[in-house]
Amino acid sequence: MTEELILLDPTAETEAVKRERIAPPAALDGLTVGLLDIGKARGNVFLDQLEEGMAARGIKVRRYAKPTNTKVAPIGVAQAIAMECDVVVEALSD
């Protein structure tokens, strides 16, 4: 007896949708940049340097962090970034 395996799309889309990449802004002046620490070692050091450089240029920065690098960002963090920021930088490592 062969069992049929059914995979469900968590986005509830009936077929794959190709989304066009949003063009990056020409400049960061007047925008709010979100810096997301994903919880990897020394990611915060990288983001500290970015924040310092952006602040020196007068760019508004907001910091966010995931509680651990093994899970997706909590809904509240993702919503805050979407509502409060124009662009986001994620600190990656490895």
PDB file of N, CA and C in Angstrom:
ATOM      1  N   MET A   1       0.841  -1.172   0.000  1.00  0.00           N
ATOM      2  CA  MET A   1       0.000   0.000   0.000  1.00  0.00           C
ATOM      3  C   MET A   1       0.888   1.238   0.000  1.00  0.00           C
ATOM      4  N   THR A   2       0.666   2.128  -0.937  1.00  0.00           N
ATOM      5  CA  THR A   2       1.428   3.361  -1.058  1.00  0.00           C
ATOM      6  C   THR A   2       0.613   4.518  -0.506  1.00  0.00           C
ATOM      7  N   GLU A   3       1.233   5.265   0.404  1.00  0.00           N
ATOM      8  CA  GLU A   3       0.557   6.443   0.950  1.00  0.00           C
ATOM      9  C   GLU A   3       0.925   7.672   0.138  1.00  0.00           C
ATOM     10  N   GLU A   4      -0.043   8.525  -0.074  1.00  0.00           N
ATOM     11  CA  GLU A   4       0.207   9.767  -0.796  1.00  0.00           C
ATOM     12  C   GLU A   4       0.627  10.834   0.200  1.00  0.00           C
ATOM     13  N   LEU A   5       1.699  11.536  -0.119  1.00  0.00           N
ATOM     14  CA  LEU A   5       2.202  12.610   0.739  1.00  0.00           C
ATOM     15  C   LEU A   5       1.703  13.939   0.185  1.00  0.00           C
ATOM     16  N   ILE A   6       1.013  14.705   1.014  1.00  0.00           N
ATOM     17  CA  ILE A   6       0.501  16.010   0.596  1.00  0.00           C
ATOM     18  C   ILE A   6       1.256  17.087   1.352  1.00  0.00           C
ATOM     19  N   LEU A   7       1.882  17.997   0.631  1.00  0.00           N
ATOM     20  CA  LEU A   7       2.594  19.123   1.226  1.00  0.00           C
ATOM     21  C   LEU A   7       1.713  20.356   1.150  1.00  0.00           C
ATOM     22  N   LEU A   8       1.629  21.081   2.243  1.00  0.00           N
ATOM     23  CA  LEU A   8       0.806  22.277   2.288  1.00  0.00           C
ATOM     24  C   LEU A   8       1.690  23.514   2.245  1.00  0.00           C
ATOM     25  N   ASP A   9       1.279  24.492   1.474  1.00  0.00           N
ATOM     26  CA  ASP A   9       1.993  25.760   1.378  1.00  0.00           C
ATOM     27  C   ASP A   9       1.552  26.647   2.535  1.00  0.00           C
ATOM     28  N   PRO A  10       2.486  27.035   3.434  1.00  0.00           N
ATOM     29  CA  PRO A  10       2.090  27.844   4.590  1.00  0.00           C
ATOM     30  C   PRO A  10       1.611  29.246   4.227  1.00  0.00           C
ATOM     31  N   THR A  11       1.836  29.679   2.996  1.00  0.00           N
ATOM     32  CA  THR A  11       1.375  31.006   2.582  1.00  0.00           C
ATOM     33  C   THR A  11      -0.055  30.968   2.074  1.00  0.00           C
ATOM     34  N   ALA A  12      -0.624  29.779   1.943  1.00  0.00           N
ATOM     35  CA  ALA A  12      -1.993  29.576   1.450  1.00  0.00           C
ATOM     36  C   ALA A  12      -2.160  29.981  -0.010  1.00  0.00           C
ATOM     37  N   GLU A  13      -1.055  30.110  -0.710  1.00  0.00           N
ATOM     38  CA  GLU A  13      -1.153  30.401  -2.143  1.00  0.00           C
ATOM     39  C   GLU A  13      -1.358  29.091  -2.882  1.00  0.00           C
ATOM     40  N   THR A  14      -2.199  29.118  -3.896  1.00  0.00           N
ATOM     41  CA  THR A  14      -2.468  27.890  -4.638  1.00  0.00           C
ATOM     42  C   THR A  14      -1.373  27.587  -5.651  1.00  0.00           C
ATOM     43  N   GLU A  15      -0.608  28.573  -6.024  1.00  0.00           N
ATOM     44  CA  GLU A  15       0.536  28.355  -6.901  1.00  0.00           C
ATOM     45  C   GLU A  15       1.630  29.364  -6.543  1.00  0.00           C
ATOM     46  N   ALA A  16       2.842  29.023  -6.882  1.00  0.00           N
ATOM     47  CA  ALA A  16       3.970  29.895  -6.548  1.00  0.00           C
ATOM     48  C   ALA A  16       3.821  31.250  -7.233  1.00  0.00           C
ATOM     49  N   VAL A  17       4.135  32.280  -6.495  1.00  0.00           N
ATOM     50  CA  VAL A  17       4.042  33.630  -7.038  1.00  0.00           C
ATOM     51  C   VAL A  17       5.439  34.220  -7.086  1.00  0.00           C
ATOM     52  N   LYS A  18       5.820  34.700  -8.245  1.00  0.00           N
ATOM     53  CA  LYS A  18       7.118  35.350  -8.374  1.00  0.00           C
ATOM     54  C   LYS A  18       6.918  36.831  -8.091  1.00  0.00           C
ATOM     55  N   ARG A  19       7.616  37.306  -7.079  1.00  0.00           N
ATOM     56  CA  ARG A  19       7.505  38.713  -6.711  1.00  0.00           C
ATOM     57  C   ARG A  19       8.731  39.457  -7.211  1.00  0.00           C
ATOM     58  N   GLU A  20       8.499  40.601  -7.767  1.00  0.00           N
ATOM     59  CA  GLU A  20       9.600  41.423  -8.239  1.00  0.00           C
ATOM     60  C   GLU A  20      10.347  42.014  -7.055  1.00  0.00           C
ATOM     61  N   ARG A  21      11.640  42.103  -7.183  1.00  0.00           N
ATOM     62  CA  ARG A  21      12.467  42.694  -6.145  1.00  0.00           C
ATOM     63  C   ARG A  21      12.192  44.190  -6.079  1.00  0.00           C
ATOM     64  N   ILE A  22      12.050  44.703  -4.878  1.00  0.00           N
ATOM     65  CA  ILE A  22      11.849  46.132  -4.696  1.00  0.00           C
ATOM     66  C   ILE A  22      13.201  46.817  -4.849  1.00  0.00           C
ATOM     67  N   ALA A  23      13.242  47.853  -5.640  1.00  0.00           N
ATOM     68  CA  ALA A  23      14.499  48.567  -5.858  1.00  0.00           C
ATOM     69  C   ALA A  23      14.941  49.246  -4.567  1.00  0.00           C
ATOM     70  N   PRO A  24      16.234  49.172  -4.251  1.00  0.00           N
ATOM     71  CA  PRO A  24      16.722  49.855  -3.046  1.00  0.00           C
ATOM     72  C   PRO A  24      16.632  51.371  -3.221  1.00  0.00           C
ATOM     73  N   PRO A  25      16.538  52.099  -2.118  1.00  0.00           N
ATOM     74  CA  PRO A  25      16.467  53.555  -2.240  1.00  0.00           C
ATOM     75  C   PRO A  25      17.792  54.118  -2.769  1.00  0.00           C
ATOM     76  N   ALA A  26      17.703  55.238  -3.435  1.00  0.00           N
ATOM     77  CA  ALA A  26      18.909  55.875  -3.971  1.00  0.00           C
ATOM     78  C   ALA A  26      19.801  56.395  -2.846  1.00  0.00           C
ATOM     79  N   ALA A  27      19.204  56.784  -1.735  1.00  0.00           N
ATOM     80  CA  ALA A  27      19.952  57.301  -0.585  1.00  0.00           C
ATOM     81  C   ALA A  27      19.173  56.975   0.683  1.00  0.00           C
ATOM     82  N   LEU A  28      19.859  57.018   1.818  1.00  0.00           N
ATOM     83  CA  LEU A  28      19.221  56.742   3.099  1.00  0.00           C
ATOM     84  C   LEU A  28      18.796  58.005   3.841  1.00  0.00           C
ATOM     85  N   ASP A  29      19.132  59.159   3.293  1.00  0.00           N
ATOM     86  CA  ASP A  29      18.774  60.424   3.935  1.00  0.00           C
ATOM     87  C   ASP A  29      17.261  60.519   4.109  1.00  0.00           C
ATOM     88  N   GLY A  30      16.834  60.809   5.332  1.00  0.00           N
ATOM     89  CA  GLY A  30      15.418  60.969   5.622  1.00  0.00           C
ATOM     90  C   GLY A  30      14.687  59.656   5.861  1.00  0.00           C
ATOM     91  N   LEU A  31      15.367  58.527   5.732  1.00  0.00           N
ATOM     92  CA  LEU A  31      14.741  57.231   5.953  1.00  0.00           C
ATOM     93  C   LEU A  31      15.110  56.685   7.328  1.00  0.00           C
ATOM     94  N   THR A  32      14.333  55.750   7.812  1.00  0.00           N
ATOM     95  CA  THR A  32      14.654  55.051   9.056  1.00  0.00           C
ATOM     96  C   THR A  32      15.177  53.671   8.685  1.00  0.00           C
ATOM     97  N   VAL A  33      16.367  53.359   9.182  1.00  0.00           N
ATOM     98  CA  VAL A  33      17.007  52.077   8.897  1.00  0.00           C
ATOM     99  C   VAL A  33      16.868  51.170  10.116  1.00  0.00           C
ATOM    100  N   GLY A  34      16.311  50.001   9.919  1.00  0.00           N
ATOM    101  CA  GLY A  34      16.223  49.014  10.978  1.00  0.00           C
ATOM    102  C   GLY A  34      17.425  48.098  10.921  1.00  0.00           C
ATOM    103  N   LEU A  35      18.033  47.846  12.066  1.00  0.00           N
ATOM    104  CA  LEU A  35      19.157  46.925  12.161  1.00  0.00           C
ATOM    105  C   LEU A  35      18.700  45.721  12.968  1.00  0.00           C
ATOM    106  N   LEU A  36      18.671  44.553  12.336  1.00  0.00           N
ATOM    107  CA  LEU A  36      18.165  43.337  12.966  1.00  0.00           C
ATOM    108  C   LEU A  36      19.314  42.406  13.322  1.00  0.00           C
ATOM    109  N   ASP A  37      19.486  42.174  14.603  1.00  0.00           N
ATOM    110  CA  ASP A  37      20.477  41.219  15.103  1.00  0.00           C
ATOM    111  C   ASP A  37      19.797  39.857  15.142  1.00  0.00           C
ATOM    112  N   ILE A  38      20.289  38.900  14.347  1.00  0.00           N
ATOM    113  CA  ILE A  38      19.633  37.596  14.274  1.00  0.00           C
ATOM    114  C   ILE A  38      20.126  36.634  15.353  1.00  0.00           C
ATOM    115  N   GLY A  39      21.025  37.096  16.214  1.00  0.00           N
ATOM    116  CA  GLY A  39      21.446  36.274  17.333  1.00  0.00           C
ATOM    117  C   GLY A  39      22.706  35.459  17.106  1.00  0.00           C
ATOM    118  N   LYS A  40      23.394  35.690  16.013  1.00  0.00           N
ATOM    119  CA  LYS A  40      24.660  34.988  15.758  1.00  0.00           C
ATOM    120  C   LYS A  40      25.790  35.729  16.461  1.00  0.00           C
ATOM    121  N   ALA A  41      26.856  35.005  16.730  1.00  0.00           N
ATOM    122  CA  ALA A  41      28.009  35.570  17.426  1.00  0.00           C
ATOM    123  C   ALA A  41      28.571  36.780  16.679  1.00  0.00           C
ATOM    124  N   ARG A  42      28.786  37.846  17.411  1.00  0.00           N
ATOM    125  CA  ARG A  42      29.395  39.088  16.941  1.00  0.00           C
ATOM    126  C   ARG A  42      28.565  39.863  15.922  1.00  0.00           C
ATOM    127  N   GLY A  43      27.343  39.432  15.676  1.00  0.00           N
ATOM    128  CA  GLY A  43      26.458  40.200  14.797  1.00  0.00           C
ATOM    129  C   GLY A  43      26.194  41.572  15.380  1.00  0.00           C
ATOM    130  N   ASN A  44      26.094  41.636  16.715  1.00  0.00           N
ATOM    131  CA  ASN A  44      25.857  42.921  17.373  1.00  0.00           C
ATOM    132  C   ASN A  44      27.039  43.873  17.181  1.00  0.00           C
ATOM    133  N   VAL A  45      28.251  43.340  17.109  1.00  0.00           N
ATOM    134  CA  VAL A  45      29.441  44.166  16.886  1.00  0.00           C
ATOM    135  C   VAL A  45      29.368  44.809  15.505  1.00  0.00           C
ATOM    136  N   PHE A  46      28.982  44.017  14.509  1.00  0.00           N
ATOM    137  CA  PHE A  46      28.806  44.531  13.149  1.00  0.00           C
ATOM    138  C   PHE A  46      27.745  45.630  13.113  1.00  0.00           C
ATOM    139  N   LEU A  47      26.619  45.361  13.777  1.00  0.00           N
ATOM    140  CA  LEU A  47      25.530  46.346  13.782  1.00  0.00           C
ATOM    141  C   LEU A  47      25.905  47.600  14.565  1.00  0.00           C
ATOM    142  N   ASP A  48      26.692  47.454  15.631  1.00  0.00           N
ATOM    143  CA  ASP A  48      27.165  48.630  16.372  1.00  0.00           C
ATOM    144  C   ASP A  48      27.957  49.551  15.448  1.00  0.00           C
ATOM    145  N   GLN A  49      28.820  48.969  14.624  1.00  0.00           N
ATOM    146  CA  GLN A  49      29.630  49.763  13.691  1.00  0.00           C
ATOM    147  C   GLN A  49      28.756  50.435  12.635  1.00  0.00           C
ATOM    148  N   LEU A  50      27.779  49.701  12.119  1.00  0.00           N
ATOM    149  CA  LEU A  50      26.855  50.300  11.146  1.00  0.00           C
ATOM    150  C   LEU A  50      26.084  51.457  11.766  1.00  0.00           C
ATOM    151  N   GLU A  51      25.573  51.230  12.973  1.00  0.00           N
ATOM    152  CA  GLU A  51      24.796  52.274  13.643  1.00  0.00           C
ATOM    153  C   GLU A  51      25.646  53.523  13.868  1.00  0.00           C
ATOM    154  N   GLU A  52      26.868  53.333  14.311  1.00  0.00           N
ATOM    155  CA  GLU A  52      27.763  54.469  14.546  1.00  0.00           C
ATOM    156  C   GLU A  52      27.991  55.267  13.268  1.00  0.00           C
ATOM    157  N   GLY A  53      28.258  54.567  12.175  1.00  0.00           N
ATOM    158  CA  GLY A  53      28.492  55.241  10.900  1.00  0.00           C
ATOM    159  C   GLY A  53      27.256  55.953  10.378  1.00  0.00           C
ATOM    160  N   MET A  54      26.102  55.321  10.517  1.00  0.00           N
ATOM    161  CA  MET A  54      24.861  55.944  10.045  1.00  0.00           C
ATOM    162  C   MET A  54      24.489  57.142  10.904  1.00  0.00           C
ATOM    163  N   ALA A  55      24.653  57.014  12.215  1.00  0.00           N
ATOM    164  CA  ALA A  55      24.347  58.129  13.113  1.00  0.00           C
ATOM    165  C   ALA A  55      25.236  59.327  12.805  1.00  0.00           C
ATOM    166  N   ALA A  56      26.478  59.077  12.474  1.00  0.00           N
ATOM    167  CA  ALA A  56      27.401  60.159  12.120  1.00  0.00           C
ATOM    168  C   ALA A  56      26.944  60.887  10.851  1.00  0.00           C
ATOM    169  N   ARG A  57      26.216  60.190  10.002  1.00  0.00           N
ATOM    170  CA  ARG A  57      25.685  60.798   8.770  1.00  0.00           C
ATOM    171  C   ARG A  57      24.281  61.352   8.963  1.00  0.00           C
ATOM    172  N   GLY A  58      23.756  61.258  10.188  1.00  0.00           N
ATOM    173  CA  GLY A  58      22.432  61.792  10.474  1.00  0.00           C
ATOM    174  C   GLY A  58      21.290  60.882  10.073  1.00  0.00           C
ATOM    175  N   ILE A  59      21.571  59.606   9.877  1.00  0.00           N
ATOM    176  CA  ILE A  59      20.540  58.649   9.488  1.00  0.00           C
ATOM    177  C   ILE A  59      19.898  58.068  10.746  1.00  0.00           C
ATOM    178  N   LYS A  60      18.571  58.049  10.770  1.00  0.00           N
ATOM    179  CA  LYS A  60      17.838  57.511  11.916  1.00  0.00           C
ATOM    180  C   LYS A  60      17.906  55.984  11.890  1.00  0.00           C
ATOM    181  N   VAL A  61      18.290  55.409  13.037  1.00  0.00           N
ATOM    182  CA  VAL A  61      18.459  53.959  13.150  1.00  0.00           C
ATOM    183  C   VAL A  61      17.607  53.420  14.296  1.00  0.00           C
ATOM    184  N   ARG A  62      16.999  52.272  14.072  1.00  0.00           N
ATOM    185  CA  ARG A  62      16.265  51.554  15.124  1.00  0.00           C
ATOM    186  C   ARG A  62      16.837  50.148  15.190  1.00  0.00           C
ATOM    187  N   ARG A  63      17.017  49.645  16.407  1.00  0.00           N
ATOM    188  CA  ARG A  63      17.607  48.311  16.599  1.00  0.00           C
ATOM    189  C   ARG A  63      16.532  47.298  16.987  1.00  0.00           C
ATOM    190  N   TYR A  64      16.699  46.084  16.475  1.00  0.00           N
ATOM    191  CA  TYR A  64      15.803  44.970  16.761  1.00  0.00           C
ATOM    192  C   TYR A  64      16.654  43.719  16.936  1.00  0.00           C
ATOM    193  N   ALA A  65      16.106  42.735  17.617  1.00  0.00           N
ATOM    194  CA  ALA A  65      16.847  41.486  17.803  1.00  0.00           C
ATOM    195  C   ALA A  65      15.897  40.305  17.881  1.00  0.00           C
ATOM    196  N   LYS A  66      16.342  39.198  17.295  1.00  0.00           N
ATOM    197  CA  LYS A  66      15.654  37.927  17.481  1.00  0.00           C
ATOM    198  C   LYS A  66      16.160  37.325  18.781  1.00  0.00           C
ATOM    199  N   PRO A  67      15.326  36.580  19.497  1.00  0.00           N
ATOM    200  CA  PRO A  67      15.794  35.978  20.743  1.00  0.00           C
ATOM    201  C   PRO A  67      16.831  34.875  20.515  1.00  0.00           C
ATOM    202  N   THR A  68      16.797  34.233  19.350  1.00  0.00           N
ATOM    203  CA  THR A  68      17.742  33.173  19.015  1.00  0.00           C
ATOM    204  C   THR A  68      17.882  33.080  17.506  1.00  0.00           C
ATOM    205  N   ASN A  69      19.035  32.614  17.065  1.00  0.00           N
ATOM    206  CA  ASN A  69      19.242  32.508  15.619  1.00  0.00           C
ATOM    207  C   ASN A  69      18.586  31.268  15.018  1.00  0.00           C
ATOM    208  N   THR A  70      18.035  30.400  15.846  1.00  0.00           N
ATOM    209  CA  THR A  70      17.460  29.155  15.334  1.00  0.00           C
ATOM    210  C   THR A  70      15.989  29.254  14.974  1.00  0.00           C
ATOM    211  N   LYS A  71      15.380  30.380  15.232  1.00  0.00           N
ATOM    212  CA  LYS A  71      13.954  30.546  14.938  1.00  0.00           C
ATOM    213  C   LYS A  71      13.725  31.840  14.151  1.00  0.00           C
ATOM    214  N   VAL A  72      12.594  31.903  13.497  1.00  0.00           N
ATOM    215  CA  VAL A  72      12.237  33.129  12.786  1.00  0.00           C
ATOM    216  C   VAL A  72      11.957  34.229  13.812  1.00  0.00           C
ATOM    217  N   ALA A  73      12.020  35.462  13.361  1.00  0.00           N
ATOM    218  CA  ALA A  73      11.732  36.589  14.253  1.00  0.00           C
ATOM    219  C   ALA A  73      10.287  36.508  14.727  1.00  0.00           C
ATOM    220  N   PRO A  74      10.047  36.819  15.995  1.00  0.00           N
ATOM    221  CA  PRO A  74       8.668  36.838  16.484  1.00  0.00           C
ATOM    222  C   PRO A  74       7.812  37.814  15.680  1.00  0.00           C
ATOM    223  N   ILE A  75       6.542  37.519  15.581  1.00  0.00           N
ATOM    224  CA  ILE A  75       5.618  38.352  14.794  1.00  0.00           C
ATOM    225  C   ILE A  75       5.719  39.816  15.210  1.00  0.00           C
ATOM    226  N   GLY A  76       5.794  40.079  16.506  1.00  0.00           N
ATOM    227  CA  GLY A  76       5.873  41.457  16.981  1.00  0.00           C
ATOM    228  C   GLY A  76       7.100  42.184  16.467  1.00  0.00           C
ATOM    229  N   VAL A  77       8.228  41.492  16.396  1.00  0.00           N
ATOM    230  CA  VAL A  77       9.464  42.099  15.883  1.00  0.00           C
ATOM    231  C   VAL A  77       9.307  42.401  14.390  1.00  0.00           C
ATOM    232  N   ALA A  78       8.804  41.427  13.643  1.00  0.00           N
ATOM    233  CA  ALA A  78       8.607  41.626  12.205  1.00  0.00           C
ATOM    234  C   ALA A  78       7.623  42.765  11.930  1.00  0.00           C
ATOM    235  N   GLN A  79       6.549  42.834  12.706  1.00  0.00           N
ATOM    236  CA  GLN A  79       5.566  43.903  12.515  1.00  0.00           C
ATOM    237  C   GLN A  79       6.160  45.267  12.861  1.00  0.00           C
ATOM    238  N   ALA A  80       6.938  45.333  13.927  1.00  0.00           N
ATOM    239  CA  ALA A  80       7.567  46.598  14.314  1.00  0.00           C
ATOM    240  C   ALA A  80       8.501  47.088  13.217  1.00  0.00           C
ATOM    241  N   ILE A  81       9.291  46.182  12.663  1.00  0.00           N
ATOM    242  CA  ILE A  81      10.202  46.568  11.580  1.00  0.00           C
ATOM    243  C   ILE A  81       9.406  47.091  10.382  1.00  0.00           C
ATOM    244  N   ALA A  82       8.357  46.368  10.012  1.00  0.00           N
ATOM    245  CA  ALA A  82       7.550  46.773   8.853  1.00  0.00           C
ATOM    246  C   ALA A  82       6.896  48.134   9.058  1.00  0.00           C
ATOM    247  N   MET A  83       6.464  48.416  10.291  1.00  0.00           N
ATOM    248  CA  MET A  83       5.762  49.667  10.566  1.00  0.00           C
ATOM    249  C   MET A  83       6.710  50.844  10.817  1.00  0.00           C
ATOM    250  N   GLU A  84       7.883  50.586  11.362  1.00  0.00           N
ATOM    251  CA  GLU A  84       8.755  51.660  11.835  1.00  0.00           C
ATOM    252  C   GLU A  84       9.942  51.962  10.933  1.00  0.00           C
ATOM    253  N   CYS A  85      10.215  51.109   9.956  1.00  0.00           N
ATOM    254  CA  CYS A  85      11.435  51.265   9.155  1.00  0.00           C
ATOM    255  C   CYS A  85      11.144  51.328   7.659  1.00  0.00           C
ATOM    256  N   ASP A  86      12.040  52.011   6.970  1.00  0.00           N
ATOM    257  CA  ASP A  86      11.955  52.072   5.512  1.00  0.00           C
ATOM    258  C   ASP A  86      12.801  50.980   4.858  1.00  0.00           C
ATOM    259  N   VAL A  87      13.928  50.668   5.482  1.00  0.00           N
ATOM    260  CA  VAL A  87      14.825  49.596   5.018  1.00  0.00           C
ATOM    261  C   VAL A  87      15.356  48.874   6.245  1.00  0.00           C
ATOM    262  N   VAL A  88      15.868  47.646   6.028  1.00  0.00           N
ATOM    263  CA  VAL A  88      16.423  46.866   7.144  1.00  0.00           C
ATOM    264  C   VAL A  88      17.722  46.209   6.724  1.00  0.00           C
ATOM    265  N   VAL A  89      18.644  46.107   7.683  1.00  0.00           N
ATOM    266  CA  VAL A  89      19.892  45.381   7.507  1.00  0.00           C
ATOM    267  C   VAL A  89      19.903  44.273   8.541  1.00  0.00           C
ATOM    268  N   GLU A  90      20.165  43.041   8.105  1.00  0.00           N
ATOM    269  CA  GLU A  90      20.262  41.915   9.030  1.00  0.00           C
ATOM    270  C   GLU A  90      21.723  41.574   9.234  1.00  0.00           C
ATOM    271  N   ALA A  91      22.121  41.384  10.482  1.00  0.00           N
ATOM    272  CA  ALA A  91      23.491  40.989  10.778  1.00  0.00           C
ATOM    273  C   ALA A  91      23.616  39.486  10.598  1.00  0.00           C
ATOM    274  N   LEU A  92      24.475  39.080   9.696  1.00  0.00           N
ATOM    275  CA  LEU A  92      24.733  37.665   9.450  1.00  0.00           C
ATOM    276  C   LEU A  92      26.182  37.368   9.808  1.00  0.00           C
ATOM    277  N   SER A  93      26.465  36.112  10.064  1.00  0.00           N
ATOM    278  CA  SER A  93      27.841  35.719  10.330  1.00  0.00           C
ATOM    279  C   SER A  93      28.038  34.283   9.871  1.00  0.00           C
ATOM    280  N   ASP A  94      29.169  33.717  10.184  1.00  0.00           N
ATOM    281  CA  ASP A  94      29.591  32.347   9.856  1.00  0.00           C
ATOM    282  C   ASP A  94      30.676  32.367   8.856  1.00  0.00           C
TER     283      ASP A  94
END
